[in-house]
PDB file of N, CA and C in Angstrom:
ATOM      1  N   MET A   1       1.336 -43.629  89.406  1.00  0.00           N
ATOM      2  CA  MET A   1       2.688 -43.154  89.183  1.00  0.00           C
ATOM      3  C   MET A   1       3.457 -43.200  90.493  1.00  0.00           C
ATOM      4  N   SER A   2       4.735 -43.206  90.393  1.00  0.00           N
ATOM      5  CA  SER A   2       5.546 -43.212  91.591  1.00  0.00           C
ATOM      6  C   SER A   2       5.549 -41.816  92.205  1.00  0.00           C
ATOM      7  N   SER A   3       5.881 -41.756  93.466  1.00  0.00           N
ATOM      8  CA  SER A   3       5.890 -40.472  94.157  1.00  0.00           C
ATOM      9  C   SER A   3       7.100 -39.630  93.750  1.00  0.00           C
ATOM     10  N   GLU A   4       8.080 -40.272  93.151  1.00  0.00           N
ATOM     11  CA  GLU A   4       9.295 -39.585  92.731  1.00  0.00           C
ATOM     12  C   GLU A   4       9.033 -38.717  91.506  1.00  0.00           C
ATOM     13  N   GLU A   5       9.627 -37.535  91.450  1.00  0.00           N
ATOM     14  CA  GLU A   5       9.497 -36.652  90.285  1.00  0.00           C
ATOM     15  C   GLU A   5      10.306 -37.242  89.135  1.00  0.00           C
ATOM     16  N   VAL A   6       9.695 -37.312  87.963  1.00  0.00           N
ATOM     17  CA  VAL A   6      10.359 -37.891  86.794  1.00  0.00           C
ATOM     18  C   VAL A   6      11.060 -36.781  86.022  1.00  0.00           C
ATOM     19  N   ASP A   7      12.320 -37.015  85.678  1.00  0.00           N
ATOM     20  CA  ASP A   7      13.086 -36.051  84.902  1.00  0.00           C
ATOM     21  C   ASP A   7      12.782 -36.280  83.431  1.00  0.00           C
ATOM     22  N   LEU A   8      11.945 -35.418  82.856  1.00  0.00           N
ATOM     23  CA  LEU A   8      11.497 -35.596  81.480  1.00  0.00           C
ATOM     24  C   LEU A   8      12.626 -35.427  80.474  1.00  0.00           C
ATOM     25  N   SER A   9      13.707 -34.774  80.872  1.00  0.00           N
ATOM     26  CA  SER A   9      14.826 -34.606  79.946  1.00  0.00           C
ATOM     27  C   SER A   9      15.532 -35.939  79.680  1.00  0.00           C
ATOM     28  N   GLN A  10      15.245 -36.936  80.503  1.00  0.00           N
ATOM     29  CA  GLN A  10      15.865 -38.245  80.312  1.00  0.00           C
ATOM     30  C   GLN A  10      15.243 -39.011  79.152  1.00  0.00           C
ATOM     31  N   ILE A  11      14.070 -38.565  78.702  1.00  0.00           N
ATOM     32  CA  ILE A  11      13.448 -39.195  77.546  1.00  0.00           C
ATOM     33  C   ILE A  11      14.170 -38.671  76.317  1.00  0.00           C
ATOM     34  N   ARG A  12      14.952 -39.540  75.688  1.00  0.00           N
ATOM     35  CA  ARG A  12      15.749 -39.119  74.547  1.00  0.00           C
ATOM     36  C   ARG A  12      15.020 -39.427  73.251  1.00  0.00           C
ATOM     37  N   GLY A  13      15.411 -38.728  72.228  1.00  0.00           N
ATOM     38  CA  GLY A  13      14.918 -39.052  70.898  1.00  0.00           C
ATOM     39  C   GLY A  13      13.603 -38.391  70.553  1.00  0.00           C
ATOM     40  N   ASP A  14      12.980 -38.982  69.613  1.00  0.00           N
ATOM     41  CA  ASP A  14      11.780 -38.449  69.013  1.00  0.00           C
ATOM     42  C   ASP A  14      10.552 -38.761  69.866  1.00  0.00           C
ATOM     43  N   TRP A  15       9.745 -37.740  70.155  1.00  0.00           N
ATOM     44  CA  TRP A  15       8.542 -37.921  70.966  1.00  0.00           C
ATOM     45  C   TRP A  15       7.588 -38.885  70.275  1.00  0.00           C
ATOM     46  N   ASP A  16       7.446 -38.771  68.957  1.00  0.00           N
ATOM     47  CA  ASP A  16       6.530 -39.641  68.209  1.00  0.00           C
ATOM     48  C   ASP A  16       6.938 -41.110  68.329  1.00  0.00           C
ATOM     49  N   PHE A  17       8.237 -41.366  68.321  1.00  0.00           N
ATOM     50  CA  PHE A  17       8.725 -42.740  68.479  1.00  0.00           C
ATOM     51  C   PHE A  17       8.272 -43.305  69.821  1.00  0.00           C
ATOM     52  N   HIS A  18       8.437 -42.524  70.880  1.00  0.00           N
ATOM     53  CA  HIS A  18       8.042 -42.989  72.215  1.00  0.00           C
ATOM     54  C   HIS A  18       6.534 -43.196  72.298  1.00  0.00           C
ATOM     55  N   ALA A  19       5.770 -42.307  71.670  1.00  0.00           N
ATOM     56  CA  ALA A  19       4.312 -42.434  71.691  1.00  0.00           C
ATOM     57  C   ALA A  19       3.879 -43.720  70.977  1.00  0.00           C
ATOM     58  N   ARG A  20       4.502 -44.010  69.838  1.00  0.00           N
ATOM     59  CA  ARG A  20       4.172 -45.243  69.110  1.00  0.00           C
ATOM     60  C   ARG A  20       4.583 -46.478  69.919  1.00  0.00           C
ATOM     61  N   TYR A  21       5.732 -46.403  70.591  1.00  0.00           N
ATOM     62  CA  TYR A  21       6.215 -47.520  71.394  1.00  0.00           C
ATOM     63  C   TYR A  21       5.231 -47.845  72.518  1.00  0.00           C
ATOM     64  N   VAL A  22       4.789 -46.812  73.244  1.00  0.00           N
ATOM     65  CA  VAL A  22       3.866 -47.022  74.363  1.00  0.00           C
ATOM     66  C   VAL A  22       2.517 -47.525  73.842  1.00  0.00           C
ATOM     67  N   THR A  23       2.066 -46.983  72.723  1.00  0.00           N
ATOM     68  CA  THR A  23       0.794 -47.419  72.149  1.00  0.00           C
ATOM     69  C   THR A  23       0.858 -48.893  71.762  1.00  0.00           C
ATOM     70  N   ASN A  24       1.942 -49.296  71.117  1.00  0.00           N
ATOM     71  CA  ASN A  24       2.107 -50.700  70.734  1.00  0.00           C
ATOM     72  C   ASN A  24       2.172 -51.593  71.972  1.00  0.00           C
ATOM     73  N   ALA A  25       2.903 -51.166  72.986  1.00  0.00           N
ATOM     74  CA  ALA A  25       3.002 -51.952  74.217  1.00  0.00           C
ATOM     75  C   ALA A  25       1.626 -52.122  74.859  1.00  0.00           C
ATOM     76  N   MET A  26       0.816 -51.058  74.842  1.00  0.00           N
ATOM     77  CA  MET A  26      -0.536 -51.139  75.408  1.00  0.00           C
ATOM     78  C   MET A  26      -1.390 -52.118  74.606  1.00  0.00           C
ATOM     79  N   GLU A  27      -1.316 -52.044  73.289  1.00  0.00           N
ATOM     80  CA  GLU A  27      -2.105 -52.964  72.455  1.00  0.00           C
ATOM     81  C   GLU A  27      -1.738 -54.420  72.726  1.00  0.00           C
ATOM     82  N   GLN A  28      -0.441 -54.713  72.805  1.00  0.00           N
ATOM     83  CA  GLN A  28       0.008 -56.080  73.058  1.00  0.00           C
ATOM     84  C   GLN A  28      -0.429 -56.561  74.443  1.00  0.00           C
ATOM     85  N   THR A  29      -0.346 -55.686  75.440  1.00  0.00           N
ATOM     86  CA  THR A  29      -0.731 -56.055  76.800  1.00  0.00           C
ATOM     87  C   THR A  29      -2.237 -56.301  76.881  1.00  0.00           C
ATOM     88  N   LEU A  30      -3.018 -55.461  76.203  1.00  0.00           N
ATOM     89  CA  LEU A  30      -4.476 -55.656  76.204  1.00  0.00           C
ATOM     90  C   LEU A  30      -4.865 -56.961  75.501  1.00  0.00           C
ATOM     91  N   LYS A  31      -4.166 -57.285  74.415  1.00  0.00           N
ATOM     92  CA  LYS A  31      -4.434 -58.558  73.731  1.00  0.00           C
ATOM     93  C   LYS A  31      -4.177 -59.731  74.678  1.00  0.00           C
ATOM     94  N   ARG A  32      -3.016 -59.669  75.367  1.00  0.00           N
ATOM     95  CA  ARG A  32      -2.673 -60.733  76.308  1.00  0.00           C
ATOM     96  C   ARG A  32      -3.693 -60.812  77.436  1.00  0.00           C
ATOM     97  N   GLN A  33      -4.102 -59.656  77.927  1.00  0.00           N
ATOM     98  CA  GLN A  33      -5.072 -59.592  79.012  1.00  0.00           C
ATOM     99  C   GLN A  33      -6.404 -60.228  78.574  1.00  0.00           C
ATOM    100  N   ASN A  34      -6.877 -59.890  77.377  1.00  0.00           N
ATOM    101  CA  ASN A  34      -8.130 -60.460  76.875  1.00  0.00           C
ATOM    102  C   ASN A  34      -8.022 -61.963  76.660  1.00  0.00           C
ATOM    103  N   LYS A  35      -6.879 -62.408  76.155  1.00  0.00           N
ATOM    104  CA  LYS A  35      -6.653 -63.835  75.922  1.00  0.00           C
ATOM    105  C   LYS A  35      -6.692 -64.593  77.258  1.00  0.00           C
ATOM    106  N   LEU A  36      -6.038 -64.029  78.273  1.00  0.00           N
ATOM    107  CA  LEU A  36      -6.025 -64.668  79.591  1.00  0.00           C
ATOM    108  C   LEU A  36      -7.420 -64.668  80.218  1.00  0.00           C
ATOM    109  N   TRP A  37      -8.164 -63.591  80.018  1.00  0.00           N
ATOM    110  CA  TRP A  37      -9.517 -63.519  80.588  1.00  0.00           C
ATOM    111  C   TRP A  37     -10.409 -64.589  79.957  1.00  0.00           C
ATOM    112  N   LYS A  38     -10.305 -64.764  78.636  1.00  0.00           N
ATOM    113  CA  LYS A  38     -11.093 -65.799  77.955  1.00  0.00           C
ATOM    114  C   LYS A  38     -10.715 -67.188  78.479  1.00  0.00           C
ATOM    115  N   ALA A  39      -9.423 -67.400  78.695  1.00  0.00           N
ATOM    116  CA  ALA A  39      -8.957 -68.688  79.224  1.00  0.00           C
ATOM    117  C   ALA A  39      -9.483 -68.899  80.643  1.00  0.00           C
ATOM    118  N   LEU A  40      -9.525 -67.841  81.431  1.00  0.00           N
ATOM    119  CA  LEU A  40     -10.066 -67.950  82.794  1.00  0.00           C
ATOM    120  C   LEU A  40     -11.551 -68.316  82.755  1.00  0.00           C
ATOM    121  N   LYS A  41     -12.288 -67.686  81.863  1.00  0.00           N
ATOM    122  CA  LYS A  41     -13.721 -67.989  81.762  1.00  0.00           C
ATOM    123  C   LYS A  41     -13.954 -69.424  81.297  1.00  0.00           C
ATOM    124  N   LYS A  42     -13.092 -69.902  80.404  1.00  0.00           N
ATOM    125  CA  LYS A  42     -13.184 -71.279  79.916  1.00  0.00           C
ATOM    126  C   LYS A  42     -12.880 -72.280  81.031  1.00  0.00           C
ATOM    127  N   ALA A  43     -11.956 -71.909  81.906  1.00  0.00           N
ATOM    128  CA  ALA A  43     -11.530 -72.808  82.980  1.00  0.00           C
ATOM    129  C   ALA A  43     -12.482 -72.805  84.175  1.00  0.00           C
ATOM    130  N   SER A  44     -13.518 -71.991  84.117  1.00  0.00           N
ATOM    131  CA  SER A  44     -14.425 -71.907  85.271  1.00  0.00           C
ATOM    132  C   SER A  44     -15.246 -73.184  85.421  1.00  0.00           C
ATOM    133  N   LYS A  45     -15.538 -73.526  86.658  1.00  0.00           N
ATOM    134  CA  LYS A  45     -16.332 -74.719  86.947  1.00  0.00           C
ATOM    135  C   LYS A  45     -17.809 -74.357  87.085  1.00  0.00           C
ATOM    136  N   LYS A  46     -18.079 -73.099  87.430  1.00  0.00           N
ATOM    137  CA  LYS A  46     -19.457 -72.638  87.556  1.00  0.00           C
ATOM    138  C   LYS A  46     -19.652 -71.452  86.632  1.00  0.00           C
ATOM    139  N   LYS A  47     -20.831 -71.367  86.048  1.00  0.00           N
ATOM    140  CA  LYS A  47     -21.131 -70.275  85.135  1.00  0.00           C
ATOM    141  C   LYS A  47     -21.124 -68.951  85.902  1.00  0.00           C
ATOM    142  N   GLY A  48     -20.473 -67.940  85.306  1.00  0.00           N
ATOM    143  CA  GLY A  48     -20.431 -66.616  85.923  1.00  0.00           C
ATOM    144  C   GLY A  48     -19.305 -66.437  86.926  1.00  0.00           C
ATOM    145  N   GLN A  49     -18.439 -67.447  87.064  1.00  0.00           N
ATOM    146  CA  GLN A  49     -17.299 -67.345  87.977  1.00  0.00           C
ATOM    147  C   GLN A  49     -16.019 -67.688  87.223  1.00  0.00           C
ATOM    148  N   VAL A  50     -14.914 -67.194  87.751  1.00  0.00           N
ATOM    149  CA  VAL A  50     -13.605 -67.581  87.217  1.00  0.00           C
ATOM    150  C   VAL A  50     -12.783 -68.133  88.365  1.00  0.00           C
ATOM    151  N   PRO A  51     -11.863 -69.058  88.090  1.00  0.00           N
ATOM    152  CA  PRO A  51     -11.023 -69.593  89.162  1.00  0.00           C
ATOM    153  C   PRO A  51     -10.059 -68.516  89.681  1.00  0.00           C
ATOM    154  N   VAL A  52     -10.198 -68.164  90.931  1.00  0.00           N
ATOM    155  CA  VAL A  52      -9.402 -67.058  91.483  1.00  0.00           C
ATOM    156  C   VAL A  52      -8.090 -67.514  92.103  1.00  0.00           C
ATOM    157  N   ASP A  53      -7.895 -68.806  92.245  1.00  0.00           N
ATOM    158  CA  ASP A  53      -6.681 -69.303  92.899  1.00  0.00           C
ATOM    159  C   ASP A  53      -5.797 -70.111  91.950  1.00  0.00           C
ATOM    160  N   SER A  54      -5.699 -69.657  90.724  1.00  0.00           N
ATOM    161  CA  SER A  54      -4.912 -70.408  89.744  1.00  0.00           C
ATOM    162  C   SER A  54      -3.735 -69.575  89.237  1.00  0.00           C
ATOM    163  N   LEU A  55      -2.834 -70.258  88.562  1.00  0.00           N
ATOM    164  CA  LEU A  55      -1.690 -69.594  87.947  1.00  0.00           C
ATOM    165  C   LEU A  55      -2.177 -68.662  86.831  1.00  0.00           C
ATOM    166  N   LEU A  56      -3.238 -69.062  86.188  1.00  0.00           N
ATOM    167  CA  LEU A  56      -3.838 -68.245  85.130  1.00  0.00           C
ATOM    168  C   LEU A  56      -4.304 -66.890  85.681  1.00  0.00           C
ATOM    169  N   MET A  57      -4.874 -66.911  86.885  1.00  0.00           N
ATOM    170  CA  MET A  57      -5.325 -65.661  87.516  1.00  0.00           C
ATOM    171  C   MET A  57      -4.123 -64.771  87.858  1.00  0.00           C
ATOM    172  N   GLU A  58      -3.020 -65.375  88.274  1.00  0.00           N
ATOM    173  CA  GLU A  58      -1.810 -64.593  88.562  1.00  0.00           C
ATOM    174  C   GLU A  58      -1.298 -63.921  87.290  1.00  0.00           C
ATOM    175  N   ASP A  59      -1.304 -64.665  86.188  1.00  0.00           N
ATOM    176  CA  ASP A  59      -0.867 -64.097  84.903  1.00  0.00           C
ATOM    177  C   ASP A  59      -1.797 -62.959  84.471  1.00  0.00           C
ATOM    178  N   PHE A  60      -3.091 -63.162  84.652  1.00  0.00           N
ATOM    179  CA  PHE A  60      -4.061 -62.128  84.292  1.00  0.00           C
ATOM    180  C   PHE A  60      -3.850 -60.869  85.146  1.00  0.00           C
ATOM    181  N   SER A  61      -3.630 -61.070  86.432  1.00  0.00           N
ATOM    182  CA  SER A  61      -3.400 -59.926  87.341  1.00  0.00           C
ATOM    183  C   SER A  61      -2.147 -59.157  86.947  1.00  0.00           C
ATOM    184  N   GLU A  62      -1.101 -59.879  86.552  1.00  0.00           N
ATOM    185  CA  GLU A  62       0.137 -59.222  86.117  1.00  0.00           C
ATOM    186  C   GLU A  62      -0.108 -58.402  84.854  1.00  0.00           C
ATOM    187  N   ALA A  63      -0.889 -58.935  83.918  1.00  0.00           N
ATOM    188  CA  ALA A  63      -1.218 -58.191  82.701  1.00  0.00           C
ATOM    189  C   ALA A  63      -2.001 -56.920  83.053  1.00  0.00           C
ATOM    190  N   CYS A  64      -2.884 -57.013  84.031  1.00  0.00           N
ATOM    191  CA  CYS A  64      -3.639 -55.822  84.478  1.00  0.00           C
ATOM    192  C   CYS A  64      -2.703 -54.782  85.085  1.00  0.00           C
ATOM    193  N   ARG A  65      -1.751 -55.234  85.891  1.00  0.00           N
ATOM    194  CA  ARG A  65      -0.786 -54.296  86.493  1.00  0.00           C
ATOM    195  C   ARG A  65       0.045 -53.608  85.408  1.00  0.00           C
ATOM    196  N   GLN A  66       0.449 -54.362  84.401  1.00  0.00           N
ATOM    197  CA  GLN A  66       1.229 -53.773  83.311  1.00  0.00           C
ATOM    198  C   GLN A  66       0.405 -52.748  82.528  1.00  0.00           C
ATOM    199  N   THR A  67      -0.879 -53.035  82.351  1.00  0.00           N
ATOM    200  CA  THR A  67      -1.762 -52.084  81.672  1.00  0.00           C
ATOM    201  C   THR A  67      -1.833 -50.796  82.472  1.00  0.00           C
ATOM    202  N   ARG A  68      -1.938 -50.917  83.768  1.00  0.00           N
ATOM    203  CA  ARG A  68      -1.990 -49.737  84.643  1.00  0.00           C
ATOM    204  C   ARG A  68      -0.701 -48.927  84.534  1.00  0.00           C
ATOM    205  N   ALA A  69       0.418 -49.602  84.494  1.00  0.00           N
ATOM    206  CA  ALA A  69       1.706 -48.907  84.390  1.00  0.00           C
ATOM    207  C   ALA A  69       1.809 -48.168  83.054  1.00  0.00           C
ATOM    208  N   LEU A  70       1.286 -48.763  82.001  1.00  0.00           N
ATOM    209  CA  LEU A  70       1.345 -48.116  80.691  1.00  0.00           C
ATOM    210  C   LEU A  70       0.458 -46.874  80.633  1.00  0.00           C
ATOM    211  N   THR A  71      -0.643 -46.881  81.385  1.00  0.00           N
ATOM    212  CA  THR A  71      -1.471 -45.669  81.400  1.00  0.00           C
ATOM    213  C   THR A  71      -0.693 -44.510  82.014  1.00  0.00           C
ATOM    214  N   ASP A  72       0.164 -44.813  82.986  1.00  0.00           N
ATOM    215  CA  ASP A  72       1.033 -43.765  83.556  1.00  0.00           C
ATOM    216  C   ASP A  72       1.981 -43.226  82.495  1.00  0.00           C
ATOM    217  N   ASP A  73       2.463 -44.114  81.635  1.00  0.00           N
ATOM    218  CA  ASP A  73       3.361 -43.679  80.555  1.00  0.00           C
ATOM    219  C   ASP A  73       2.656 -42.716  79.603  1.00  0.00           C
ATOM    220  N   PHE A  74       1.364 -42.946  79.363  1.00  0.00           N
ATOM    221  CA  PHE A  74       0.622 -42.024  78.496  1.00  0.00           C
ATOM    222  C   PHE A  74       0.551 -40.631  79.120  1.00  0.00           C
ATOM    223  N   TRP A  75       0.341 -40.567  80.430  1.00  0.00           N
ATOM    224  CA  TRP A  75       0.308 -39.255  81.109  1.00  0.00           C
ATOM    225  C   TRP A  75       1.679 -38.589  81.047  1.00  0.00           C
ATOM    226  N   LEU A  76       2.727 -39.380  81.201  1.00  0.00           N
ATOM    227  CA  LEU A  76       4.085 -38.853  81.109  1.00  0.00           C
ATOM    228  C   LEU A  76       4.350 -38.291  79.712  1.00  0.00           C
ATOM    229  N   LEU A  77       3.893 -39.004  78.701  1.00  0.00           N
ATOM    230  CA  LEU A  77       4.047 -38.516  77.327  1.00  0.00           C
ATOM    231  C   LEU A  77       3.286 -37.209  77.118  1.00  0.00           C
ATOM    232  N   ALA A  78       2.100 -37.118  77.707  1.00  0.00           N
ATOM    233  CA  ALA A  78       1.304 -35.892  77.572  1.00  0.00           C
ATOM    234  C   ALA A  78       2.049 -34.706  78.186  1.00  0.00           C
ATOM    235  N   GLU A  79       2.658 -34.926  79.356  1.00  0.00           N
ATOM    236  CA  GLU A  79       3.443 -33.860  80.007  1.00  0.00           C
ATOM    237  C   GLU A  79       4.635 -33.481  79.141  1.00  0.00           C
ATOM    238  N   THR A  80       5.290 -34.477  78.588  1.00  0.00           N
ATOM    239  CA  THR A  80       6.468 -34.240  77.761  1.00  0.00           C
ATOM    240  C   THR A  80       6.104 -33.480  76.498  1.00  0.00           C
ATOM    241  N   GLN A  81       4.994 -33.840  75.872  1.00  0.00           N
ATOM    242  CA  GLN A  81       4.565 -33.156  74.660  1.00  0.00           C
ATOM    243  C   GLN A  81       4.246 -31.701  74.964  1.00  0.00           C
ATOM    244  N   GLY A  82       3.613 -31.438  76.097  1.00  0.00           N
ATOM    245  CA  GLY A  82       3.296 -30.069  76.492  1.00  0.00           C
ATOM    246  C   GLY A  82       4.543 -29.236  76.673  1.00  0.00           C
ATOM    247  N   SER A  83       5.567 -29.785  77.314  1.00  0.00           N
ATOM    248  CA  SER A  83       6.803 -29.025  77.533  1.00  0.00           C
ATOM    249  C   SER A  83       7.553 -28.821  76.221  1.00  0.00           C
ATOM    250  N   ALA A  84       7.438 -29.762  75.297  1.00  0.00           N
ATOM    251  CA  ALA A  84       8.093 -29.618  73.996  1.00  0.00           C
ATOM    252  C   ALA A  84       7.448 -28.491  73.200  1.00  0.00           C
ATOM    253  N   LYS A  85       6.131 -28.374  73.286  1.00  0.00           N
ATOM    254  CA  LYS A  85       5.422 -27.295  72.582  1.00  0.00           C
ATOM    255  C   LYS A  85       5.828 -25.939  73.145  1.00  0.00           C
ATOM    256  N   LYS A  86       5.944 -25.857  74.470  1.00  0.00           N
ATOM    257  CA  LYS A  86       6.329 -24.593  75.105  1.00  0.00           C
ATOM    258  C   LYS A  86       7.725 -24.176  74.666  1.00  0.00           C
ATOM    259  N   THR A  87       8.633 -25.156  74.587  1.00  0.00           N
ATOM    260  CA  THR A  87      10.008 -24.877  74.175  1.00  0.00           C
ATOM    261  C   THR A  87      10.042 -24.350  72.745  1.00  0.00           C
ATOM    262  N   LYS A  88       9.243 -24.934  71.860  1.00  0.00           N
ATOM    263  CA  LYS A  88       9.197 -24.477  70.475  1.00  0.00           C
ATOM    264  C   LYS A  88       8.677 -23.046  70.401  1.00  0.00           C
ATOM    265  N   LYS A  89       7.647 -22.724  71.196  1.00  0.00           N
ATOM    266  CA  LYS A  89       7.095 -21.371  71.194  1.00  0.00           C
ATOM    267  C   LYS A  89       8.141 -20.364  71.678  1.00  0.00           C
ATOM    268  N   LYS A  90       8.878 -20.728  72.723  1.00  0.00           N
ATOM    269  CA  LYS A  90       9.924 -19.844  73.245  1.00  0.00           C
ATOM    270  C   LYS A  90      10.997 -19.607  72.192  1.00  0.00           C
ATOM    271  N   ALA A  91      11.382 -20.664  71.485  1.00  0.00           N
ATOM    272  CA  ALA A  91      12.406 -20.542  70.446  1.00  0.00           C
ATOM    273  C   ALA A  91      11.925 -19.623  69.326  1.00  0.00           C
ATOM    274  N   LYS A  92      10.650 -19.736  68.959  1.00  0.00           N
ATOM    275  CA  LYS A  92      10.101 -18.872  67.919  1.00  0.00           C
ATOM    276  C   LYS A  92      10.105 -17.412  68.372  1.00  0.00           C
ATOM    277  N   LYS A  93       9.746 -17.181  69.634  1.00  0.00           N
ATOM    278  CA  LYS A  93       9.740 -15.814  70.163  1.00  0.00           C
ATOM    279  C   LYS A  93      11.142 -15.224  70.128  1.00  0.00           C
ATOM    280  N   LYS A  94      12.127 -16.015  70.550  1.00  0.00           N
ATOM    281  CA  LYS A  94      13.516 -15.540  70.544  1.00  0.00           C
ATOM    282  C   LYS A  94      13.964 -15.205  69.128  1.00  0.00           C
ATOM    283  N   ALA A  95      13.614 -16.053  68.182  1.00  0.00           N
ATOM    284  CA  ALA A  95      13.989 -15.826  66.786  1.00  0.00           C
ATOM    285  C   ALA A  95      13.353 -14.539  66.270  1.00  0.00           C
ATOM    286  N   LYS A  96      12.093 -14.293  66.632  1.00  0.00           N
ATOM    287  CA  LYS A  96      11.412 -13.062  66.214  1.00  0.00           C
ATOM    288  C   LYS A  96      12.115 -11.838  66.793  1.00  0.00           C
ATOM    289  N   LYS A  97      12.475 -11.925  68.080  1.00  0.00           N
ATOM    290  CA  LYS A  97      13.161 -10.799  68.729  1.00  0.00           C
ATOM    291  C   LYS A  97      14.477 -10.499  68.031  1.00  0.00           C
ATOM    292  N   LYS A  98      15.251 -11.555  67.724  1.00  0.00           N
ATOM    293  CA  LYS A  98      16.540 -11.370  67.044  1.00  0.00           C
ATOM    294  C   LYS A  98      16.333 -10.712  65.690  1.00  0.00           C
ATOM    295  N   THR A  99      15.324 -11.163  64.953  1.00  0.00           N
ATOM    296  CA  THR A  99      15.036 -10.597  63.634  1.00  0.00           C
ATOM    297  C   THR A  99      14.677  -9.122  63.758  1.00  0.00           C
ATOM    298  N   LYS A 100      13.859  -8.787  64.743  1.00  0.00           N
ATOM    299  CA  LYS A 100      13.454  -7.393  64.955  1.00  0.00           C
ATOM    300  C   LYS A 100      14.665  -6.532  65.314  1.00  0.00           C
ATOM    301  N   LYS A 101      15.545  -7.071  66.184  1.00  0.00           N
ATOM    302  CA  LYS A 101      16.736  -6.325  66.584  1.00  0.00           C
ATOM    303  C   LYS A 101      17.642  -6.073  65.382  1.00  0.00           C
ATOM    304  N   LYS A 102      17.832  -7.106  64.561  1.00  0.00           N
ATOM    305  CA  LYS A 102      18.669  -6.962  63.380  1.00  0.00           C
ATOM    306  C   LYS A 102      18.092  -5.930  62.427  1.00  0.00           C
ATOM    307  N   ALA A 103      16.783  -5.963  62.255  1.00  0.00           N
ATOM    308  CA  ALA A 103      16.120  -5.014  61.359  1.00  0.00           C
ATOM    309  C   ALA A 103      16.268  -3.587  61.904  1.00  0.00           C
ATOM    310  N   ALA A 104      16.137  -3.433  63.212  1.00  0.00           N
ATOM    311  CA  ALA A 104      16.271  -2.117  63.832  1.00  0.00           C
ATOM    312  C   ALA A 104      17.699  -1.590  63.662  1.00  0.00           C
ATOM    313  N   LYS A 105      18.691  -2.450  63.849  1.00  0.00           N
ATOM    314  CA  LYS A 105      20.090  -2.052  63.679  1.00  0.00           C
ATOM    315  C   LYS A 105      20.364  -1.648  62.231  1.00  0.00           C
ATOM    316  N   LYS A 106      19.820  -2.410  61.310  1.00  0.00           N
ATOM    317  CA  LYS A 106      20.011  -2.133  59.891  1.00  0.00           C
ATOM    318  C   LYS A 106      19.401  -0.774  59.534  1.00  0.00           C
ATOM    319  N   THR A 107      18.203  -0.518  60.048  1.00  0.00           N
ATOM    320  CA  THR A 107      17.530   0.754  59.803  1.00  0.00           C
ATOM    321  C   THR A 107      18.328   1.900  60.399  1.00  0.00           C
ATOM    322  N   ALA A 108      18.861   1.686  61.614  1.00  0.00           N
ATOM    323  CA  ALA A 108      19.665   2.731  62.274  1.00  0.00           C
ATOM    324  C   ALA A 108      20.918   3.024  61.460  1.00  0.00           C
ATOM    325  N   ARG A 109      21.570   1.983  60.936  1.00  0.00           N
ATOM    326  CA  ARG A 109      22.767   2.173  60.125  1.00  0.00           C
ATOM    327  C   ARG A 109      22.454   2.949  58.855  1.00  0.00           C
ATOM    328  N   LYS A 110      21.322   2.625  58.233  1.00  0.00           N
ATOM    329  CA  LYS A 110      20.925   3.328  57.004  1.00  0.00           C
ATOM    330  C   LYS A 110      20.691   4.808  57.283  1.00  0.00           C
ATOM    331  N   LYS A 111      20.010   5.087  58.393  1.00  0.00           N
ATOM    332  CA  LYS A 111      19.730   6.482  58.750  1.00  0.00           C
ATOM    333  C   LYS A 111      21.031   7.224  59.043  1.00  0.00           C
ATOM    334  N   LYS A 112      21.909   6.550  59.753  1.00  0.00           N
ATOM    335  CA  LYS A 112      23.198   7.159  60.123  1.00  0.00           C
ATOM    336  C   LYS A 112      24.033   7.423  58.870  1.00  0.00           C
ATOM    337  N   GLY A 113      24.047   6.454  57.970  1.00  0.00           N
ATOM    338  CA  GLY A 113      24.815   6.582  56.726  1.00  0.00           C
ATOM    339  C   GLY A 113      24.214   7.597  55.780  1.00  0.00           C
ATOM    340  N   GLY A 114      22.906   7.720  55.769  1.00  0.00           N
ATOM    341  CA  GLY A 114      22.212   8.642  54.881  1.00  0.00           C
ATOM    342  C   GLY A 114      22.324  10.089  55.304  1.00  0.00           C
ATOM    343  N   SER A 115      22.568  10.374  56.580  1.00  0.00           N
ATOM    344  CA  SER A 115      22.634  11.740  57.081  1.00  0.00           C
ATOM    345  C   SER A 115      24.034  12.356  56.924  1.00  0.00           C
ATOM    346  N   LYS A 116      25.020  11.614  56.467  1.00  0.00           N
ATOM    347  CA  LYS A 116      26.396  12.123  56.304  1.00  0.00           C
ATOM    348  C   LYS A 116      26.541  13.057  55.199  1.00  0.00           C
TER     349      LYS A 116
END
C-alpha cells in the first residue's frame, strides 16, 4: 500500500458492488498471469527454466504487480466494511436512545396528566 492515508469516505456507492468489482478484477488478472506463465514455460529452451529477458516476461511481471495492487484493495475493503459496521451500530444505539427518551417523556406526560 502507499504510505499516504486513504480517505475511505471517497469510496462511493455500495460496498458489495466494490467487493464484487475487486474480486472480478483479481480473477481476470490471475487468469492472465497463468496464461502468461504457461506461455513462458512453453517458450523455454531448457527444461525447468523460463526466458527471463523477453517481452513475455515483462508482461508476466506486470500481471504480478497488478495482482499485488489488488490484494491491497482487498485490505482497503476490509477496513471499509469494518467502519461501515461500526457506523450502523452507532446509528442503532442512537435510535434506541431516542426511543427510550420518547417513551420516558410520554410516561412523564401521562403521570402529570393523571395527577390533575
